[in-house]
């Protein structure tokens, strides 16, 4: 059983079953993503020799191939046999937190706005795949976008950018007042 947490890959997943007594004896099972569209649990079966050539019960080490953008809770499961035939792997979508800090440079206190909306946008090859708005309240000056995916379901890296809501180029109008906006990476994966 293959379980997905935080998103479902669109890539096939391959499992290798290696005989513990003869590491040259390997079998593969591929679960095709197209067979499980929209399902967070994928199941497959494979017929393996129950006994080794010396008539001892065969046991196998099961390893999962890498799925870009996901982390597997267990990379391998050992001693799978006819007596213990079920194997489970759970893959969790790789995410990060992105913190955005609002700095009012040279702005008098009376011109600062209580709430500023910021938009975090993620794109893959120019196509938007992530878009979320959050507020930055005056006095806190930061907001954190939690559990932002690193890749899309195809494993392609997502490139993120941030801007203020209603921002046009490097300008924004808030409560009838015009401001110039600049956004810079903060060196820690966030933005200022």
C-alpha atoms as a PDB file:
ATOM      1  CA  UNK A   1       0.000   0.000   0.000  1.00  0.00           C
ATOM      2  CA  UNK A   2       1.294   3.434  -0.963  1.00  0.00           C
ATOM      3  CA  UNK A   3      -0.277   6.384   0.872  1.00  0.00           C
ATOM      4  CA  UNK A   4       0.124  10.059  -0.066  1.00  0.00           C
ATOM      5  CA  UNK A   5       0.027  12.887   2.462  1.00  0.00           C
ATOM      6  CA  UNK A   6      -0.189  16.564   1.470  1.00  0.00           C
ATOM      7  CA  UNK A   7      -0.628  15.917  -2.236  1.00  0.00           C
ATOM      8  CA  UNK A   8      -0.550  13.121  -4.784  1.00  0.00           C
ATOM      9  CA  UNK A   9       2.281  12.599  -7.240  1.00  0.00           C
ATOM     10  CA  UNK A  10       1.503  12.278 -10.934  1.00  0.00           C
ATOM     11  CA  UNK A  11       4.581  10.087 -11.363  1.00  0.00           C
ATOM     12  CA  UNK A  12       4.685   6.294 -11.360  1.00  0.00           C
ATOM     13  CA  UNK A  13       6.218   4.667  -8.278  1.00  0.00           C
ATOM     14  CA  UNK A  14       8.518   1.649  -8.476  1.00  0.00           C
ATOM     15  CA  UNK A  15       9.255  -0.810  -5.691  1.00  0.00           C
ATOM     16  CA  UNK A  16      12.157  -3.255  -5.815  1.00  0.00           C
ATOM     17  CA  UNK A  17      11.952  -6.579  -3.976  1.00  0.00           C
ATOM     18  CA  UNK A  18      15.432  -7.993  -3.333  1.00  0.00           C
ATOM     19  CA  UNK A  19      15.813 -11.540  -2.025  1.00  0.00           C
ATOM     20  CA  UNK A  20      17.719 -11.414   1.280  1.00  0.00           C
ATOM     21  CA  UNK A  21      19.523 -14.698   0.535  1.00  0.00           C
ATOM     22  CA  UNK A  22      20.433 -13.848  -3.067  1.00  0.00           C
ATOM     23  CA  UNK A  23      20.761 -10.097  -3.698  1.00  0.00           C
ATOM     24  CA  UNK A  24      20.992 -10.722  -7.453  1.00  0.00           C
ATOM     25  CA  UNK A  25      17.393 -11.963  -7.364  1.00  0.00           C
ATOM     26  CA  UNK A  26      15.278  -8.826  -7.761  1.00  0.00           C
ATOM     27  CA  UNK A  27      11.702  -8.167  -8.761  1.00  0.00           C
ATOM     28  CA  UNK A  28       9.956  -4.867  -9.453  1.00  0.00           C
ATOM     29  CA  UNK A  29       6.424  -3.612  -9.014  1.00  0.00           C
ATOM     30  CA  UNK A  30       5.426  -0.349 -10.649  1.00  0.00           C
ATOM     31  CA  UNK A  31       2.273   1.460  -9.604  1.00  0.00           C
ATOM     32  CA  UNK A  32       1.152   3.638 -12.491  1.00  0.00           C
ATOM     33  CA  UNK A  33      -0.144   7.058 -11.466  1.00  0.00           C
ATOM     34  CA  UNK A  34      -2.742   6.969 -14.242  1.00  0.00           C
ATOM     35  CA  UNK A  35      -4.377   3.958 -12.552  1.00  0.00           C
ATOM     36  CA  UNK A  36      -4.921   5.880  -9.304  1.00  0.00           C
ATOM     37  CA  UNK A  37      -5.900   9.420 -10.349  1.00  0.00           C
ATOM     38  CA  UNK A  38      -7.272  11.314  -7.338  1.00  0.00           C
ATOM     39  CA  UNK A  39      -6.646   8.460  -4.889  1.00  0.00           C
ATOM     40  CA  UNK A  40      -4.435   9.034  -1.851  1.00  0.00           C
ATOM     41  CA  UNK A  41      -3.957   5.281  -1.432  1.00  0.00           C
ATOM     42  CA  UNK A  42      -2.450   3.122  -4.163  1.00  0.00           C
ATOM     43  CA  UNK A  43      -2.395  -0.679  -3.935  1.00  0.00           C
ATOM     44  CA  UNK A  44      -0.588  -3.288  -5.971  1.00  0.00           C
ATOM     45  CA  UNK A  45       0.392  -6.932  -5.804  1.00  0.00           C
ATOM     46  CA  UNK A  46       3.322  -8.952  -7.039  1.00  0.00           C
ATOM     47  CA  UNK A  47       3.867 -12.705  -7.077  1.00  0.00           C
ATOM     48  CA  UNK A  48       7.234 -13.644  -5.572  1.00  0.00           C
ATOM     49  CA  UNK A  49       8.857 -17.010  -5.024  1.00  0.00           C
ATOM     50  CA  UNK A  50       7.868 -18.256  -1.571  1.00  0.00           C
ATOM     51  CA  UNK A  51      10.977 -20.420  -1.179  1.00  0.00           C
ATOM     52  CA  UNK A  52      14.630 -20.063  -2.061  1.00  0.00           C
ATOM     53  CA  UNK A  53      16.426 -22.653  -4.193  1.00  0.00           C
ATOM     54  CA  UNK A  54      17.640 -24.338  -0.965  1.00  0.00           C
ATOM     55  CA  UNK A  55      13.956 -24.711   0.136  1.00  0.00           C
ATOM     56  CA  UNK A  56      14.258 -22.127   2.938  1.00  0.00           C
ATOM     57  CA  UNK A  57      11.476 -19.510   3.184  1.00  0.00           C
ATOM     58  CA  UNK A  58      12.305 -16.509   0.975  1.00  0.00           C
ATOM     59  CA  UNK A  59      12.378 -13.054   2.568  1.00  0.00           C
ATOM     60  CA  UNK A  60      12.725  -9.782   0.734  1.00  0.00           C
ATOM     61  CA  UNK A  61      13.957  -6.247   1.263  1.00  0.00           C
ATOM     62  CA  UNK A  62      11.463  -3.846  -0.338  1.00  0.00           C
ATOM     63  CA  UNK A  63      12.725  -0.418  -1.412  1.00  0.00           C
ATOM     64  CA  UNK A  64      10.810   2.425  -2.965  1.00  0.00           C
ATOM     65  CA  UNK A  65      12.198   4.496  -5.810  1.00  0.00           C
ATOM     66  CA  UNK A  66      12.555   8.233  -5.190  1.00  0.00           C
ATOM     67  CA  UNK A  67       9.523  10.423  -5.809  1.00  0.00           C
ATOM     68  CA  UNK A  68      10.684  14.012  -6.330  1.00  0.00           C
ATOM     69  CA  UNK A  69       8.919  16.474  -4.062  1.00  0.00           C
ATOM     70  CA  UNK A  70       7.956  13.852  -1.479  1.00  0.00           C
ATOM     71  CA  UNK A  71       9.676  12.257   1.503  1.00  0.00           C
ATOM     72  CA  UNK A  72       9.012   8.630   2.355  1.00  0.00           C
ATOM     73  CA  UNK A  73       8.530   7.720   6.013  1.00  0.00           C
ATOM     74  CA  UNK A  74      10.335   4.459   5.338  1.00  0.00           C
ATOM     75  CA  UNK A  75      12.757   4.043   2.468  1.00  0.00           C
ATOM     76  CA  UNK A  76      12.789   0.276   2.825  1.00  0.00           C
ATOM     77  CA  UNK A  77      11.014  -2.558   4.628  1.00  0.00           C
ATOM     78  CA  UNK A  78      12.898  -5.760   5.397  1.00  0.00           C
ATOM     79  CA  UNK A  79      11.878  -9.403   5.871  1.00  0.00           C
ATOM     80  CA  UNK A  80       8.763  -9.334   3.727  1.00  0.00           C
ATOM     81  CA  UNK A  81       7.697 -12.919   3.081  1.00  0.00           C
ATOM     82  CA  UNK A  82       4.695 -15.177   2.494  1.00  0.00           C
ATOM     83  CA  UNK A  83       4.132 -15.027   6.278  1.00  0.00           C
ATOM     84  CA  UNK A  84       4.262 -11.186   6.316  1.00  0.00           C
ATOM     85  CA  UNK A  85       3.157 -10.167   2.822  1.00  0.00           C
ATOM     86  CA  UNK A  86       1.859  -6.619   3.387  1.00  0.00           C
ATOM     87  CA  UNK A  87       4.074  -3.566   3.018  1.00  0.00           C
ATOM     88  CA  UNK A  88       3.094   0.069   3.544  1.00  0.00           C
ATOM     89  CA  UNK A  89       4.892   3.221   2.431  1.00  0.00           C
ATOM     90  CA  UNK A  90       3.703   6.767   3.151  1.00  0.00           C
ATOM     91  CA  UNK A  91       5.052   9.713   1.209  1.00  0.00           C
ATOM     92  CA  UNK A  92       4.613  13.239   2.535  1.00  0.00           C
ATOM     93  CA  UNK A  93       4.809  16.273   0.291  1.00  0.00           C
ATOM     94  CA  UNK A  94       7.960  18.330   0.921  1.00  0.00           C
ATOM     95  CA  UNK A  95       7.033  21.789   2.165  1.00  0.00           C
ATOM     96  CA  UNK A  96       8.588  24.856   3.696  1.00  0.00           C
ATOM     97  CA  UNK A  97       7.419  27.927   5.580  1.00  0.00           C
ATOM     98  CA  UNK A  98       7.879  31.331   3.940  1.00  0.00           C
ATOM     99  CA  UNK A  99       7.910  34.422   6.152  1.00  0.00           C
ATOM    100  CA  UNK A 100       7.131  37.843   4.696  1.00  0.00           C
ATOM    101  CA  UNK A 101       8.182  40.966   6.607  1.00  0.00           C
ATOM    102  CA  UNK A 102       6.626  44.381   5.956  1.00  0.00           C
ATOM    103  CA  UNK A 103       9.018  47.275   6.548  1.00  0.00           C
ATOM    104  CA  UNK A 104       7.777  50.851   6.342  1.00  0.00           C
ATOM    105  CA  UNK A 105      10.828  52.826   5.154  1.00  0.00           C
ATOM    106  CA  UNK A 106      10.616  56.560   5.807  1.00  0.00           C
ATOM    107  CA  UNK A 107       6.849  56.425   6.315  1.00  0.00           C
ATOM    108  CA  UNK A 108       5.426  58.549   9.140  1.00  0.00           C
ATOM    109  CA  UNK A 109       3.361  56.583  11.674  1.00  0.00           C
ATOM    110  CA  UNK A 110       0.134  58.343  10.665  1.00  0.00           C
ATOM    111  CA  UNK A 111       0.521  57.049   7.079  1.00  0.00           C
ATOM    112  CA  UNK A 112       1.033  53.392   8.010  1.00  0.00           C
ATOM    113  CA  UNK A 113      -1.899  51.095   7.297  1.00  0.00           C
ATOM    114  CA  UNK A 114      -3.230  48.748  10.008  1.00  0.00           C
ATOM    115  CA  UNK A 115      -3.577  45.766   7.691  1.00  0.00           C
ATOM    116  CA  UNK A 116      -1.606  45.050   4.529  1.00  0.00           C
ATOM    117  CA  UNK A 117      -2.514  42.046   2.374  1.00  0.00           C
ATOM    118  CA  UNK A 118       0.344  40.164   0.744  1.00  0.00           C
ATOM    119  CA  UNK A 119       0.106  37.525  -1.959  1.00  0.00           C
ATOM    120  CA  UNK A 120       2.455  34.565  -2.225  1.00  0.00           C
ATOM    121  CA  UNK A 121       2.428  33.219  -5.758  1.00  0.00           C
ATOM    122  CA  UNK A 122       4.156  30.074  -6.999  1.00  0.00           C
ATOM    123  CA  UNK A 123       4.834  29.267 -10.643  1.00  0.00           C
ATOM    124  CA  UNK A 124       6.180  26.362 -12.655  1.00  0.00           C
ATOM    125  CA  UNK A 125       7.334  27.258 -16.167  1.00  0.00           C
ATOM    126  CA  UNK A 126       5.306  30.475 -16.023  1.00  0.00           C
ATOM    127  CA  UNK A 127       2.060  28.770 -14.967  1.00  0.00           C
ATOM    128  CA  UNK A 128       0.689  29.681 -11.551  1.00  0.00           C
ATOM    129  CA  UNK A 129       0.254  26.608  -9.328  1.00  0.00           C
ATOM    130  CA  UNK A 130      -0.019  28.322  -5.922  1.00  0.00           C
ATOM    131  CA  UNK A 131      -1.663  31.553  -4.807  1.00  0.00           C
ATOM    132  CA  UNK A 132      -2.511  32.562  -1.270  1.00  0.00           C
ATOM    133  CA  UNK A 133      -3.250  35.885   0.467  1.00  0.00           C
ATOM    134  CA  UNK A 134      -2.488  36.684   4.095  1.00  0.00           C
ATOM    135  CA  UNK A 135      -2.628  39.806   6.216  1.00  0.00           C
ATOM    136  CA  UNK A 136       0.252  41.584   7.889  1.00  0.00           C
ATOM    137  CA  UNK A 137      -1.028  43.557  10.863  1.00  0.00           C
ATOM    138  CA  UNK A 138       0.624  46.813  11.903  1.00  0.00           C
ATOM    139  CA  UNK A 139       2.764  46.113  14.947  1.00  0.00           C
ATOM    140  CA  UNK A 140       3.572  42.517  13.981  1.00  0.00           C
ATOM    141  CA  UNK A 141       5.022  43.332  10.545  1.00  0.00           C
ATOM    142  CA  UNK A 142       5.301  39.648   9.526  1.00  0.00           C
ATOM    143  CA  UNK A 143       3.183  36.782   8.317  1.00  0.00           C
ATOM    144  CA  UNK A 144       4.224  33.218   7.636  1.00  0.00           C
ATOM    145  CA  UNK A 145       2.836  31.044   4.871  1.00  0.00           C
ATOM    146  CA  UNK A 146       3.040  27.537   6.354  1.00  0.00           C
ATOM    147  CA  UNK A 147       3.492  24.219   4.556  1.00  0.00           C
ATOM    148  CA  UNK A 148       4.124  25.736   1.135  1.00  0.00           C
ATOM    149  CA  UNK A 149       4.912  22.914  -1.359  1.00  0.00           C
ATOM    150  CA  UNK A 150       8.430  22.824  -2.840  1.00  0.00           C
ATOM    151  CA  UNK A 151       7.315  21.098  -6.054  1.00  0.00           C
ATOM    152  CA  UNK A 152       4.154  20.528  -8.030  1.00  0.00           C
ATOM    153  CA  UNK A 153       2.622  17.049  -8.383  1.00  0.00           C
ATOM    154  CA  UNK A 154       4.914  16.384 -11.363  1.00  0.00           C
ATOM    155  CA  UNK A 155       8.017  17.015  -9.245  1.00  0.00           C
ATOM    156  CA  UNK A 156       8.858  20.356 -10.907  1.00  0.00           C
ATOM    157  CA  UNK A 157      10.329  23.001  -8.589  1.00  0.00           C
ATOM    158  CA  UNK A 158       7.971  25.854  -7.739  1.00  0.00           C
ATOM    159  CA  UNK A 159       9.393  29.386  -7.909  1.00  0.00           C
ATOM    160  CA  UNK A 160       7.761  31.765  -5.442  1.00  0.00           C
ATOM    161  CA  UNK A 161       7.302  35.524  -5.473  1.00  0.00           C
ATOM    162  CA  UNK A 162       5.506  37.898  -3.143  1.00  0.00           C
ATOM    163  CA  UNK A 163       3.732  41.188  -3.679  1.00  0.00           C
ATOM    164  CA  UNK A 164       1.247  43.378  -1.895  1.00  0.00           C
ATOM    165  CA  UNK A 165      -2.394  43.063  -2.868  1.00  0.00           C
ATOM    166  CA  UNK A 166      -3.298  45.755  -5.423  1.00  0.00           C
ATOM    167  CA  UNK A 167       0.411  46.236  -6.231  1.00  0.00           C
ATOM    168  CA  UNK A 168       1.057  47.413  -9.779  1.00  0.00           C
ATOM    169  CA  UNK A 169       4.716  47.163 -10.706  1.00  0.00           C
ATOM    170  CA  UNK A 170       6.576  48.831  -7.851  1.00  0.00           C
ATOM    171  CA  UNK A 171       3.612  50.957  -6.699  1.00  0.00           C
ATOM    172  CA  UNK A 172       0.625  50.343  -4.454  1.00  0.00           C
ATOM    173  CA  UNK A 173      -2.242  52.562  -3.289  1.00  0.00           C
ATOM    174  CA  UNK A 174      -3.462  51.916   0.257  1.00  0.00           C
ATOM    175  CA  UNK A 175      -6.283  53.950   1.778  1.00  0.00           C
ATOM    176  CA  UNK A 176      -5.873  56.528  -0.988  1.00  0.00           C
ATOM    177  CA  UNK A 177      -2.142  57.006  -0.352  1.00  0.00           C
ATOM    178  CA  UNK A 178       0.529  56.019  -2.904  1.00  0.00           C
ATOM    179  CA  UNK A 179       3.560  53.984  -1.854  1.00  0.00           C
ATOM    180  CA  UNK A 180       6.592  52.530  -3.618  1.00  0.00           C
ATOM    181  CA  UNK A 181       7.114  48.840  -2.937  1.00  0.00           C
ATOM    182  CA  UNK A 182      10.304  46.806  -3.099  1.00  0.00           C
ATOM    183  CA  UNK A 183      10.519  43.092  -2.374  1.00  0.00           C
ATOM    184  CA  UNK A 184      13.795  41.375  -1.588  1.00  0.00           C
ATOM    185  CA  UNK A 185      14.727  37.892  -0.418  1.00  0.00           C
ATOM    186  CA  UNK A 186      15.734  37.952   3.260  1.00  0.00           C
ATOM    187  CA  UNK A 187      18.438  35.278   2.900  1.00  0.00           C
ATOM    188  CA  UNK A 188      16.423  32.766   4.948  1.00  0.00           C
ATOM    189  CA  UNK A 189      13.849  31.711   2.356  1.00  0.00           C
ATOM    190  CA  UNK A 190      11.484  34.603   3.151  1.00  0.00           C
ATOM    191  CA  UNK A 191      10.915  38.106   1.827  1.00  0.00           C
ATOM    192  CA  UNK A 192      11.268  41.688   3.084  1.00  0.00           C
END
